[in-house]
N, C-alpha and C. Protein backbone atom coordinates (compact mmCIF):
# COMPACT_ATOMS: atom_id res chain seq x y z
N MET A 1 11.64 18.06 8.67
CA MET A 1 12.22 17.13 8.59
C MET A 1 13.58 16.55 8.74
N GLU A 2 13.67 15.45 9.54
CA GLU A 2 15.25 15.91 9.62
C GLU A 2 16.07 13.96 9.69
N ALA A 3 16.99 13.83 9.27
CA ALA A 3 17.68 12.52 9.49
C ALA A 3 18.84 12.51 9.97
N GLU A 4 19.28 11.50 10.67
CA GLU A 4 20.59 11.70 10.97
C GLU A 4 21.11 10.10 11.09
N ALA A 5 22.61 9.95 10.56
CA ALA A 5 23.18 8.95 10.19
C ALA A 5 24.50 8.88 10.63
N ALA A 6 24.23 7.60 11.66
CA ALA A 6 25.89 7.85 12.31
C ALA A 6 26.57 6.27 11.83
N LEU A 7 27.86 6.97 12.04
CA LEU A 7 28.62 5.57 11.18
C LEU A 7 28.64 4.75 12.58
N THR A 8 28.61 3.06 12.23
CA THR A 8 29.31 2.39 13.29
C THR A 8 30.33 1.38 13.32
N GLU A 9 30.30 1.13 11.61
CA GLU A 9 31.55 -0.30 11.39
C GLU A 9 31.56 -0.11 10.03
N GLY A 10 32.61 -0.07 9.93
CA GLY A 10 32.94 -0.42 8.35
C GLY A 10 32.33 0.77 7.16
N MET A 11 31.46 0.42 6.65
CA MET A 11 30.28 1.03 5.73
C MET A 11 28.76 0.78 6.17
N HIS A 12 28.70 0.63 7.96
CA HIS A 12 26.99 0.03 8.03
C HIS A 12 26.94 1.98 8.63
N PHE A 13 26.03 2.43 8.46
CA PHE A 13 24.88 3.11 9.38
C PHE A 13 23.94 2.90 10.35
N ASP A 14 23.31 3.48 11.35
CA ASP A 14 22.76 3.26 11.75
C ASP A 14 22.05 4.78 11.51
N VAL A 15 20.46 4.94 11.08
CA VAL A 15 20.08 6.19 10.73
C VAL A 15 18.39 6.64 11.78
N SER A 16 18.37 7.63 12.28
CA SER A 16 17.66 8.26 13.15
C SER A 16 17.05 9.00 12.23
N LEU A 17 15.23 8.92 12.14
CA LEU A 17 14.42 10.19 11.33
C LEU A 17 13.63 10.73 12.56
N GLY A 18 13.71 11.83 11.70
CA GLY A 18 12.73 13.05 12.70
C GLY A 18 11.17 12.50 12.83
N SER A 19 10.63 11.59 12.18
CA SER A 19 9.46 10.69 12.41
C SER A 19 9.76 10.20 13.71
N GLY A 20 10.58 9.17 14.30
CA GLY A 20 10.86 8.50 15.19
C GLY A 20 11.49 7.21 14.54
N TYR A 21 11.41 7.18 13.52
CA TYR A 21 11.90 5.56 12.60
C TYR A 21 13.40 5.65 13.05
N ARG A 22 13.80 4.29 12.70
CA ARG A 22 15.12 4.05 12.59
C ARG A 22 15.44 2.92 11.29
N LEU A 23 16.46 3.41 11.15
CA LEU A 23 16.99 2.14 10.08
C LEU A 23 18.22 1.93 9.92
N GLU A 24 18.75 1.12 8.70
CA GLU A 24 20.40 0.76 9.17
C GLU A 24 20.48 0.64 7.59
N LEU A 25 21.60 1.11 7.13
CA LEU A 25 22.25 1.56 5.94
C LEU A 25 23.73 0.75 5.43
N ASP A 26 24.00 -0.02 4.56
CA ASP A 26 25.40 -0.51 4.38
C ASP A 26 25.04 -0.43 2.87
N ALA A 27 26.46 -0.67 2.73
CA ALA A 27 27.00 -0.93 1.19
C ALA A 27 26.81 -2.68 0.87
N SER A 28 27.01 -2.84 -0.27
CA SER A 28 27.23 -4.08 -0.35
C SER A 28 28.50 -4.55 -0.12
N PRO A 29 28.20 -6.19 -0.11
CA PRO A 29 29.98 -6.59 -0.01
C PRO A 29 30.57 -6.38 -0.66
N GLU A 30 30.35 -6.17 -2.23
CA GLU A 30 31.15 -5.74 -3.14
C GLU A 30 32.09 -4.53 -3.40
N GLN A 31 31.19 -3.67 -2.58
CA GLN A 31 31.48 -1.90 -2.32
C GLN A 31 32.46 -1.74 -0.82
N GLY A 32 32.80 -2.97 -0.18
CA GLY A 32 32.91 -2.81 0.93
C GLY A 32 32.32 -2.83 2.34
N GLY A 33 30.64 -3.26 2.37
CA GLY A 33 30.18 -3.45 3.30
C GLY A 33 29.73 -4.50 3.89
N THR A 34 28.79 -4.88 4.67
CA THR A 34 28.42 -6.57 5.16
C THR A 34 27.14 -6.86 4.57
N GLY A 35 26.27 -5.44 3.79
CA GLY A 35 24.91 -5.83 3.74
C GLY A 35 23.80 -6.13 4.91
N ARG A 36 24.06 -5.28 5.88
CA ARG A 36 23.50 -5.46 6.73
C ARG A 36 22.04 -4.56 6.81
N GLY A 37 22.15 -3.79 5.72
CA GLY A 37 21.20 -2.56 5.79
C GLY A 37 20.73 -2.19 4.30
N ALA A 38 19.87 -1.48 4.09
CA ALA A 38 19.36 -1.48 3.04
C ALA A 38 20.56 -0.20 2.08
N ARG A 39 20.55 -0.44 1.03
CA ARG A 39 21.65 0.57 0.06
C ARG A 39 20.71 2.11 0.11
N PRO A 40 21.92 3.02 0.12
CA PRO A 40 21.41 4.38 0.45
C PRO A 40 20.39 4.70 -1.35
N MET A 41 21.20 4.38 -2.23
CA MET A 41 20.38 4.56 -3.47
C MET A 41 18.83 3.47 -3.57
N GLU A 42 18.51 2.91 -2.87
CA GLU A 42 17.51 1.60 -2.79
C GLU A 42 16.33 2.77 -1.38
N LEU A 43 17.12 3.56 -0.47
CA LEU A 43 16.18 4.48 -0.32
C LEU A 43 15.59 5.63 -1.00
N LEU A 44 16.63 5.99 -1.53
CA LEU A 44 16.00 6.89 -2.52
C LEU A 44 15.27 7.01 -3.67
N LEU A 45 15.49 6.17 -4.17
CA LEU A 45 14.31 5.40 -5.20
C LEU A 45 13.25 5.18 -4.71
N ALA A 46 12.86 4.36 -3.27
CA ALA A 46 12.07 3.95 -2.43
C ALA A 46 10.91 5.77 -2.60
N GLY A 47 11.88 6.62 -1.40
CA GLY A 47 11.26 7.75 -1.41
C GLY A 47 10.66 8.60 -2.48
N LEU A 48 11.36 8.18 -3.79
CA LEU A 48 10.71 8.62 -4.61
C LEU A 48 9.39 8.05 -5.39
N ALA A 49 9.62 6.80 -5.29
CA ALA A 49 8.48 5.87 -5.93
C ALA A 49 7.50 5.82 -4.62
N GLY A 50 7.22 6.37 -3.42
CA GLY A 50 6.01 6.72 -2.34
C GLY A 50 5.74 8.15 -2.62
N CYS A 51 7.12 9.13 -2.83
CA CYS A 51 5.97 10.52 -3.36
C CYS A 51 5.44 10.04 -4.78
N ILE A 52 5.78 9.77 -5.36
CA ILE A 52 4.59 9.88 -6.71
C ILE A 52 3.11 9.08 -6.70
N GLY A 53 3.59 7.97 -5.88
CA GLY A 53 2.44 7.31 -5.56
C GLY A 53 1.52 8.03 -4.94
N LEU A 54 2.13 8.88 -3.97
CA LEU A 54 1.12 9.74 -2.57
C LEU A 54 0.81 10.82 -3.99
N ASP A 55 1.37 10.86 -4.77
CA ASP A 55 0.91 12.52 -5.36
C ASP A 55 -0.28 12.51 -6.16
N VAL A 56 0.33 11.06 -7.06
CA VAL A 56 -1.14 10.36 -8.04
C VAL A 56 -2.05 10.08 -7.15
N ILE A 57 -2.10 9.48 -6.47
CA ILE A 57 -3.04 9.07 -5.69
C ILE A 57 -3.96 10.46 -4.91
N SER A 58 -3.42 11.07 -4.82
CA SER A 58 -4.00 12.32 -4.00
C SER A 58 -5.29 12.93 -5.21
N ILE A 59 -4.40 13.10 -6.19
CA ILE A 59 -5.22 14.03 -7.19
C ILE A 59 -6.28 12.53 -7.95
N MET A 60 -6.24 11.37 -8.10
CA MET A 60 -7.34 10.26 -8.46
C MET A 60 -8.51 11.11 -7.76
N ARG A 61 -8.03 10.58 -6.05
CA ARG A 61 -9.43 10.77 -4.82
C ARG A 61 -9.93 12.22 -5.51
N ARG A 62 -8.94 13.23 -5.40
CA ARG A 62 -9.97 14.61 -5.91
C ARG A 62 -10.75 14.29 -6.65
N SER A 63 -10.10 13.87 -7.85
CA SER A 63 -11.28 14.00 -9.14
C SER A 63 -11.92 12.73 -9.16
N ARG A 64 -12.35 11.88 -7.83
CA ARG A 64 -13.23 11.21 -7.38
C ARG A 64 -13.32 10.00 -7.81
N GLN A 65 -12.02 9.24 -8.27
CA GLN A 65 -11.99 8.13 -9.33
C GLN A 65 -11.36 7.33 -7.80
N GLU A 66 -11.93 5.86 -7.88
CA GLU A 66 -12.10 4.85 -7.27
C GLU A 66 -10.95 3.77 -7.00
N VAL A 67 -9.89 3.98 -6.06
CA VAL A 67 -8.54 3.02 -6.76
C VAL A 67 -8.45 2.36 -5.65
N THR A 68 -8.14 0.91 -6.15
CA THR A 68 -8.03 -0.17 -5.06
C THR A 68 -6.32 -0.33 -5.21
N GLY A 69 -5.68 -0.14 -6.26
CA GLY A 69 -4.27 -0.23 -5.85
C GLY A 69 -3.45 0.64 -6.83
N LEU A 70 -1.87 0.70 -6.68
CA LEU A 70 -1.65 1.79 -7.76
C LEU A 70 0.14 1.34 -7.09
N PRO A 71 0.34 0.43 -7.89
CA PRO A 71 1.90 -0.16 -8.01
C PRO A 71 2.77 0.73 -8.57
N THR A 72 3.94 1.11 -7.86
CA THR A 72 4.77 2.17 -7.93
C THR A 72 6.18 1.68 -8.17
N GLY A 73 7.02 1.77 -8.89
CA GLY A 73 8.85 1.25 -9.21
C GLY A 73 9.57 2.21 -9.88
N LEU A 74 10.28 1.97 -9.67
CA LEU A 74 11.14 2.77 -10.34
C LEU A 74 12.53 1.97 -10.44
N GLY A 75 13.39 1.61 -10.96
CA GLY A 75 14.30 1.23 -11.58
C GLY A 75 14.76 0.71 -13.04
N ARG A 76 15.59 0.03 -13.10
CA ARG A 76 15.92 -0.34 -14.68
C ARG A 76 14.54 -0.55 -15.66
N GLY A 77 14.06 0.59 -16.78
CA GLY A 77 13.36 0.51 -17.44
C GLY A 77 11.85 1.18 -16.69
N GLN A 78 11.78 1.53 -15.82
CA GLN A 78 10.49 2.23 -15.77
C GLN A 78 10.52 2.96 -14.39
N LEU A 79 9.67 4.19 -14.98
CA LEU A 79 9.64 5.23 -13.79
C LEU A 79 8.02 5.60 -13.55
N GLY A 80 7.79 5.50 -12.72
CA GLY A 80 6.27 6.02 -12.08
C GLY A 80 5.54 5.05 -11.91
N PRO A 81 4.26 5.38 -11.73
CA PRO A 81 2.97 4.66 -11.70
C PRO A 81 2.99 3.24 -12.82
N GLN A 82 2.25 1.83 -12.48
CA GLN A 82 2.22 1.12 -13.38
C GLN A 82 0.88 1.18 -12.80
N SER A 83 0.05 0.91 -14.24
CA SER A 83 -1.22 1.14 -14.60
C SER A 83 -2.09 0.62 -13.06
N ALA A 84 -2.62 2.11 -13.12
CA ALA A 84 -3.45 2.04 -11.58
C ALA A 84 -4.77 1.91 -11.92
N ARG A 85 -5.30 1.45 -10.34
CA ARG A 85 -6.47 0.49 -10.84
C ARG A 85 -7.63 0.27 -10.15
């Protein structure tokens, strides 16, 4: 896995991922950015939420549990899977 971030201007970065996806990162205007991209901490939390979700789904499916949804969120006051359906 790899990721490369190139500063374009101010606090804005263009990011290329090894999987071929591209995205933009930027700080909020209050922190000197323009808000033209996701905040790095948001992506960190999104990656962690995705990893938690993938692991829980994998475990549930190996246990032959039927899963129709698994809201997973990270942030203030919440951590990990919210009631699996």
